[in-house]
Amino acid sequence: MKFRPGVQHVRICLGLVVTLASAVGCAPAPDQASHSVDEYRRDATLREAEFRRCARDPASRDVLPDCINAREAERLEGVGSLRKLAPLELPNPAPAASAAQELKQKD
């Protein structure tokens, strides 16, 4: 049987598309997190336990969805809003003019 020119090229391309589509369909699904960021934010003990588990295994810290969610919840809840922090009460620095006068008096 004689085919028109270019048919063989189309058949090869179609075969590649079918092969790639079947390979993608058989790929394993990505891991799902067992808890969301909101759940970790609400439950401090759960967040701390997961955070400690992820800290013991640094290789999985950036890969596992639960480690990523726990780290994000800890980032959000760890310090919280800076408005809620107590003032630092630092001592007032000496004005620049009086410091210069003190240096002149010492000389």
N, C-alpha and C. Protein backbone atom coordinates (compact mmCIF):
# COMPACT_ATOMS: atom_id res chain seq x y z
N MET A 1 0.85 -1.16 0.00
CA MET A 1 0.00 0.00 0.00
C MET A 1 0.91 1.23 0.00
N LYS A 2 0.62 2.16 -0.82
CA LYS A 2 1.43 3.36 -0.98
C LYS A 2 0.74 4.51 -0.24
N PHE A 3 1.51 5.18 0.64
CA PHE A 3 0.99 6.32 1.40
C PHE A 3 1.45 7.61 0.76
N ARG A 4 0.69 8.65 1.03
CA ARG A 4 1.07 9.97 0.53
C ARG A 4 2.32 10.45 1.26
N PRO A 5 3.08 11.35 0.67
CA PRO A 5 4.28 11.87 1.34
C PRO A 5 3.89 12.60 2.63
N GLY A 6 4.63 12.41 3.68
CA GLY A 6 4.39 13.08 4.95
C GLY A 6 3.53 12.28 5.92
N VAL A 7 2.88 11.21 5.45
CA VAL A 7 2.00 10.44 6.33
C VAL A 7 2.82 9.73 7.40
N GLN A 8 3.98 9.23 7.00
CA GLN A 8 4.83 8.54 7.97
C GLN A 8 5.23 9.48 9.10
N HIS A 9 5.52 10.73 8.79
CA HIS A 9 5.88 11.73 9.81
C HIS A 9 4.72 11.97 10.76
N VAL A 10 3.51 12.04 10.24
CA VAL A 10 2.33 12.26 11.07
C VAL A 10 2.11 11.06 12.00
N ARG A 11 2.32 9.86 11.48
CA ARG A 11 2.13 8.66 12.29
C ARG A 11 3.13 8.62 13.45
N ILE A 12 4.37 9.02 13.18
CA ILE A 12 5.39 9.03 14.24
C ILE A 12 5.03 10.07 15.30
N CYS A 13 4.62 11.25 14.88
CA CYS A 13 4.23 12.30 15.83
C CYS A 13 3.04 11.86 16.66
N LEU A 14 2.07 11.24 16.03
CA LEU A 14 0.89 10.76 16.76
C LEU A 14 1.29 9.69 17.78
N GLY A 15 2.19 8.81 17.39
CA GLY A 15 2.67 7.77 18.31
C GLY A 15 3.39 8.38 19.51
N LEU A 16 4.20 9.41 19.28
CA LEU A 16 4.88 10.09 20.39
C LEU A 16 3.89 10.78 21.32
N VAL A 17 2.88 11.42 20.77
CA VAL A 17 1.88 12.10 21.59
C VAL A 17 1.13 11.09 22.46
N VAL A 18 0.73 9.97 21.89
CA VAL A 18 0.01 8.95 22.64
C VAL A 18 0.90 8.37 23.74
N THR A 19 2.17 8.12 23.43
CA THR A 19 3.10 7.57 24.41
C THR A 19 3.32 8.55 25.57
N LEU A 20 3.54 9.81 25.26
CA LEU A 20 3.75 10.82 26.30
C LEU A 20 2.49 11.02 27.15
N ALA A 21 1.34 11.02 26.52
CA ALA A 21 0.09 11.20 27.28
C ALA A 21 -0.14 10.03 28.23
N SER A 22 0.17 8.83 27.81
CA SER A 22 -0.02 7.68 28.70
C SER A 22 1.02 7.70 29.83
N ALA A 23 2.23 8.17 29.55
CA ALA A 23 3.25 8.25 30.60
C ALA A 23 2.88 9.30 31.65
N VAL A 24 2.34 10.42 31.21
CA VAL A 24 1.93 11.46 32.15
C VAL A 24 0.74 10.99 32.97
N GLY A 25 -0.17 10.26 32.37
CA GLY A 25 -1.34 9.77 33.08
C GLY A 25 -0.98 8.74 34.14
N CYS A 26 0.12 8.04 33.97
CA CYS A 26 0.53 7.01 34.92
C CYS A 26 1.46 7.55 36.01
N ALA A 27 1.84 8.81 35.93
CA ALA A 27 2.75 9.38 36.93
C ALA A 27 2.05 9.43 38.29
N PRO A 28 2.80 9.23 39.36
CA PRO A 28 2.17 9.27 40.69
C PRO A 28 1.71 10.68 41.03
N ALA A 29 0.64 10.75 41.78
CA ALA A 29 0.10 12.04 42.19
C ALA A 29 1.01 12.63 43.28
N PRO A 30 1.12 13.95 43.32
CA PRO A 30 1.94 14.55 44.38
C PRO A 30 1.32 14.33 45.75
N ASP A 31 2.17 14.33 46.76
CA ASP A 31 1.69 14.13 48.13
C ASP A 31 0.77 15.27 48.54
N GLN A 32 -0.28 14.93 49.27
CA GLN A 32 -1.21 15.92 49.79
C GLN A 32 -0.90 16.15 51.27
N ALA A 33 -1.01 17.38 51.69
CA ALA A 33 -0.78 17.71 53.10
C ALA A 33 -1.95 17.20 53.93
N SER A 34 -1.65 16.69 55.11
CA SER A 34 -2.73 16.21 55.97
C SER A 34 -3.38 17.35 56.74
N HIS A 35 -2.67 18.49 56.88
CA HIS A 35 -3.23 19.66 57.56
C HIS A 35 -2.91 20.91 56.76
N SER A 36 -3.84 21.84 56.76
CA SER A 36 -3.63 23.09 56.04
C SER A 36 -2.89 24.09 56.94
N VAL A 37 -2.48 25.21 56.36
CA VAL A 37 -1.80 26.25 57.12
C VAL A 37 -2.73 26.79 58.21
N ASP A 38 -4.00 26.96 57.88
CA ASP A 38 -4.97 27.46 58.86
C ASP A 38 -5.11 26.52 60.06
N GLU A 39 -5.11 25.21 59.79
CA GLU A 39 -5.20 24.25 60.89
C GLU A 39 -3.96 24.33 61.78
N TYR A 40 -2.79 24.47 61.18
CA TYR A 40 -1.56 24.61 61.97
C TYR A 40 -1.56 25.94 62.74
N ARG A 41 -2.12 26.97 62.17
CA ARG A 41 -2.18 28.26 62.88
C ARG A 41 -3.09 28.19 64.09
N ARG A 42 -4.18 27.43 63.99
CA ARG A 42 -5.14 27.33 65.11
C ARG A 42 -4.62 26.45 66.23
N ASP A 43 -3.90 25.38 65.89
CA ASP A 43 -3.47 24.39 66.89
C ASP A 43 -1.96 24.48 67.10
N ALA A 44 -1.55 25.16 68.17
CA ALA A 44 -0.12 25.39 68.42
C ALA A 44 0.62 24.09 68.71
N THR A 45 -0.01 23.15 69.42
CA THR A 45 0.69 21.90 69.75
C THR A 45 0.92 21.07 68.49
N LEU A 46 -0.05 21.02 67.60
CA LEU A 46 0.10 20.30 66.34
C LEU A 46 1.21 20.94 65.51
N ARG A 47 1.21 22.27 65.45
CA ARG A 47 2.22 23.00 64.67
C ARG A 47 3.62 22.73 65.23
N GLU A 48 3.77 22.78 66.55
CA GLU A 48 5.09 22.57 67.15
C GLU A 48 5.57 21.14 66.95
N ALA A 49 4.66 20.17 67.05
CA ALA A 49 5.04 18.76 66.86
C ALA A 49 5.51 18.54 65.42
N GLU A 50 4.77 19.06 64.46
CA GLU A 50 5.15 18.88 63.05
C GLU A 50 6.44 19.64 62.75
N PHE A 51 6.57 20.82 63.32
CA PHE A 51 7.77 21.63 63.10
C PHE A 51 9.00 20.92 63.66
N ARG A 52 8.89 20.28 64.84
CA ARG A 52 10.00 19.53 65.42
C ARG A 52 10.35 18.31 64.56
N ARG A 53 9.31 17.62 64.06
CA ARG A 53 9.55 16.45 63.21
C ARG A 53 10.29 16.86 61.94
N CYS A 54 9.90 17.96 61.36
CA CYS A 54 10.56 18.43 60.14
C CYS A 54 11.98 18.92 60.42
N ALA A 55 12.21 19.47 61.60
CA ALA A 55 13.54 19.95 61.96
C ALA A 55 14.51 18.79 62.14
N ARG A 56 14.02 17.62 62.57
CA ARG A 56 14.88 16.45 62.74
C ARG A 56 15.28 15.85 61.40
N ASP A 57 14.50 16.11 60.34
CA ASP A 57 14.78 15.56 59.02
C ASP A 57 14.91 16.71 58.01
N PRO A 58 16.06 17.37 57.95
CA PRO A 58 16.19 18.55 57.09
C PRO A 58 16.01 18.27 55.61
N ALA A 59 16.25 17.05 55.16
CA ALA A 59 16.10 16.74 53.73
C ALA A 59 14.65 16.84 53.29
N SER A 60 13.72 16.51 54.17
CA SER A 60 12.31 16.55 53.78
C SER A 60 11.66 17.89 54.10
N ARG A 61 12.39 18.79 54.75
CA ARG A 61 11.82 20.05 55.20
C ARG A 61 11.27 20.88 54.04
N ASP A 62 11.95 20.90 52.91
CA ASP A 62 11.52 21.71 51.78
C ASP A 62 10.70 20.93 50.76
N VAL A 63 10.45 19.65 51.03
CA VAL A 63 9.77 18.81 50.05
C VAL A 63 8.36 18.41 50.50
N LEU A 64 8.22 18.01 51.75
CA LEU A 64 6.94 17.51 52.24
C LEU A 64 5.94 18.65 52.43
N PRO A 65 4.71 18.47 51.94
CA PRO A 65 3.70 19.53 52.07
C PRO A 65 3.39 19.89 53.51
N ASP A 66 3.39 18.90 54.43
CA ASP A 66 3.11 19.21 55.83
C ASP A 66 4.21 20.07 56.44
N CYS A 67 5.46 19.82 56.07
CA CYS A 67 6.56 20.64 56.58
C CYS A 67 6.46 22.07 56.07
N ILE A 68 6.09 22.21 54.82
CA ILE A 68 5.95 23.54 54.24
C ILE A 68 4.81 24.28 54.93
N ASN A 69 3.68 23.61 55.14
CA ASN A 69 2.53 24.25 55.81
C ASN A 69 2.85 24.61 57.25
N ALA A 70 3.52 23.72 57.98
CA ALA A 70 3.88 24.00 59.37
C ALA A 70 4.87 25.15 59.45
N ARG A 71 5.83 25.20 58.53
CA ARG A 71 6.80 26.29 58.54
C ARG A 71 6.12 27.63 58.25
N GLU A 72 5.18 27.64 57.31
CA GLU A 72 4.47 28.87 56.99
C GLU A 72 3.61 29.32 58.16
N ALA A 73 2.93 28.38 58.82
CA ALA A 73 2.11 28.73 59.99
C ALA A 73 2.99 29.25 61.12
N GLU A 74 4.15 28.65 61.31
CA GLU A 74 5.07 29.12 62.36
C GLU A 74 5.58 30.52 62.03
N ARG A 75 5.83 30.77 60.75
CA ARG A 75 6.29 32.10 60.35
C ARG A 75 5.21 33.14 60.65
N LEU A 76 3.96 32.79 60.38
CA LEU A 76 2.86 33.73 60.59
C LEU A 76 2.52 33.91 62.07
N GLU A 77 2.60 32.83 62.84
CA GLU A 77 2.17 32.88 64.23
C GLU A 77 3.32 33.04 65.22
N GLY A 78 4.55 32.79 64.79
CA GLY A 78 5.68 32.82 65.70
C GLY A 78 5.84 34.15 66.41
N VAL A 79 6.03 35.21 65.68
CA VAL A 79 6.18 36.53 66.26
C VAL A 79 4.84 37.23 66.27
N GLY A 80 4.05 37.00 65.25
CA GLY A 80 2.77 37.68 65.15
C GLY A 80 2.96 39.10 64.65
N SER A 81 2.05 39.93 64.96
CA SER A 81 2.11 41.32 64.53
C SER A 81 3.11 42.08 65.39
N LEU A 82 3.87 42.94 64.77
CA LEU A 82 4.83 43.75 65.52
C LEU A 82 4.11 44.76 66.40
N ARG A 83 2.87 45.06 66.08
CA ARG A 83 2.09 45.99 66.91
C ARG A 83 1.77 45.38 68.27
N LYS A 84 1.75 44.05 68.37
CA LYS A 84 1.42 43.38 69.62
C LYS A 84 2.63 43.24 70.55
N LEU A 85 3.83 43.48 70.02
CA LEU A 85 5.04 43.34 70.84
C LEU A 85 5.15 44.51 71.83
N ALA A 86 5.73 44.23 72.98
CA ALA A 86 5.95 45.28 73.97
C ALA A 86 7.04 46.22 73.47
N PRO A 87 6.99 47.49 73.88
CA PRO A 87 8.04 48.41 73.45
C PRO A 87 9.40 47.99 74.00
N LEU A 88 10.44 48.29 73.26
CA LEU A 88 11.79 47.87 73.65
C LEU A 88 12.37 48.74 74.75
N GLU A 89 11.90 49.96 74.91
CA GLU A 89 12.37 50.90 75.93
C GLU A 89 13.89 51.07 75.89
N LEU A 90 14.39 51.47 74.74
CA LEU A 90 15.81 51.74 74.58
C LEU A 90 16.13 53.10 75.20
N PRO A 91 17.34 53.27 75.72
CA PRO A 91 17.70 54.58 76.28
C PRO A 91 17.80 55.61 75.17
N ASN A 92 17.46 56.85 75.50
CA ASN A 92 17.55 57.93 74.52
C ASN A 92 19.01 58.24 74.25
N PRO A 93 19.39 58.34 72.99
CA PRO A 93 20.78 58.68 72.68
C PRO A 93 21.03 60.15 72.98
N ALA A 94 22.26 60.47 73.31
CA ALA A 94 22.62 61.86 73.58
C ALA A 94 22.55 62.64 72.28
N PRO A 95 22.03 63.85 72.32
CA PRO A 95 22.00 64.66 71.10
C PRO A 95 23.42 64.89 70.58
N ALA A 96 23.54 65.01 69.28
CA ALA A 96 24.86 65.15 68.65
C ALA A 96 25.57 66.41 69.11
N ALA A 97 24.84 67.50 69.33
CA ALA A 97 25.47 68.76 69.74
C ALA A 97 26.09 68.64 71.12
N SER A 98 25.39 68.02 72.06
CA SER A 98 25.94 67.89 73.42
C SER A 98 27.13 66.93 73.43
N ALA A 99 27.13 65.93 72.60
CA ALA A 99 28.26 65.00 72.53
C ALA A 99 29.48 65.72 72.00
N ALA A 100 29.29 66.59 71.02
CA ALA A 100 30.42 67.35 70.48
C ALA A 100 30.96 68.30 71.53
N GLN A 101 30.09 68.92 72.33
CA GLN A 101 30.53 69.83 73.38
C GLN A 101 31.33 69.08 74.44
N GLU A 102 30.90 67.88 74.79
CA GLU A 102 31.62 67.09 75.78
C GLU A 102 33.02 66.75 75.31
N LEU A 103 33.17 66.46 74.00
CA LEU A 103 34.49 66.16 73.44
C LEU A 103 35.39 67.39 73.53
N LYS A 104 34.83 68.57 73.27
CA LYS A 104 35.64 69.79 73.32
C LYS A 104 36.07 70.07 74.75
N GLN A 105 35.20 69.81 75.71
CA GLN A 105 35.54 70.07 77.11
C GLN A 105 36.63 69.13 77.59
N LYS A 106 36.68 67.93 77.07
CA LYS A 106 37.70 66.97 77.49
C LYS A 106 39.06 67.35 76.95
N ASP A 107 39.11 68.02 75.82
CA ASP A 107 40.39 68.40 75.19
C ASP A 107 40.98 69.54 75.89
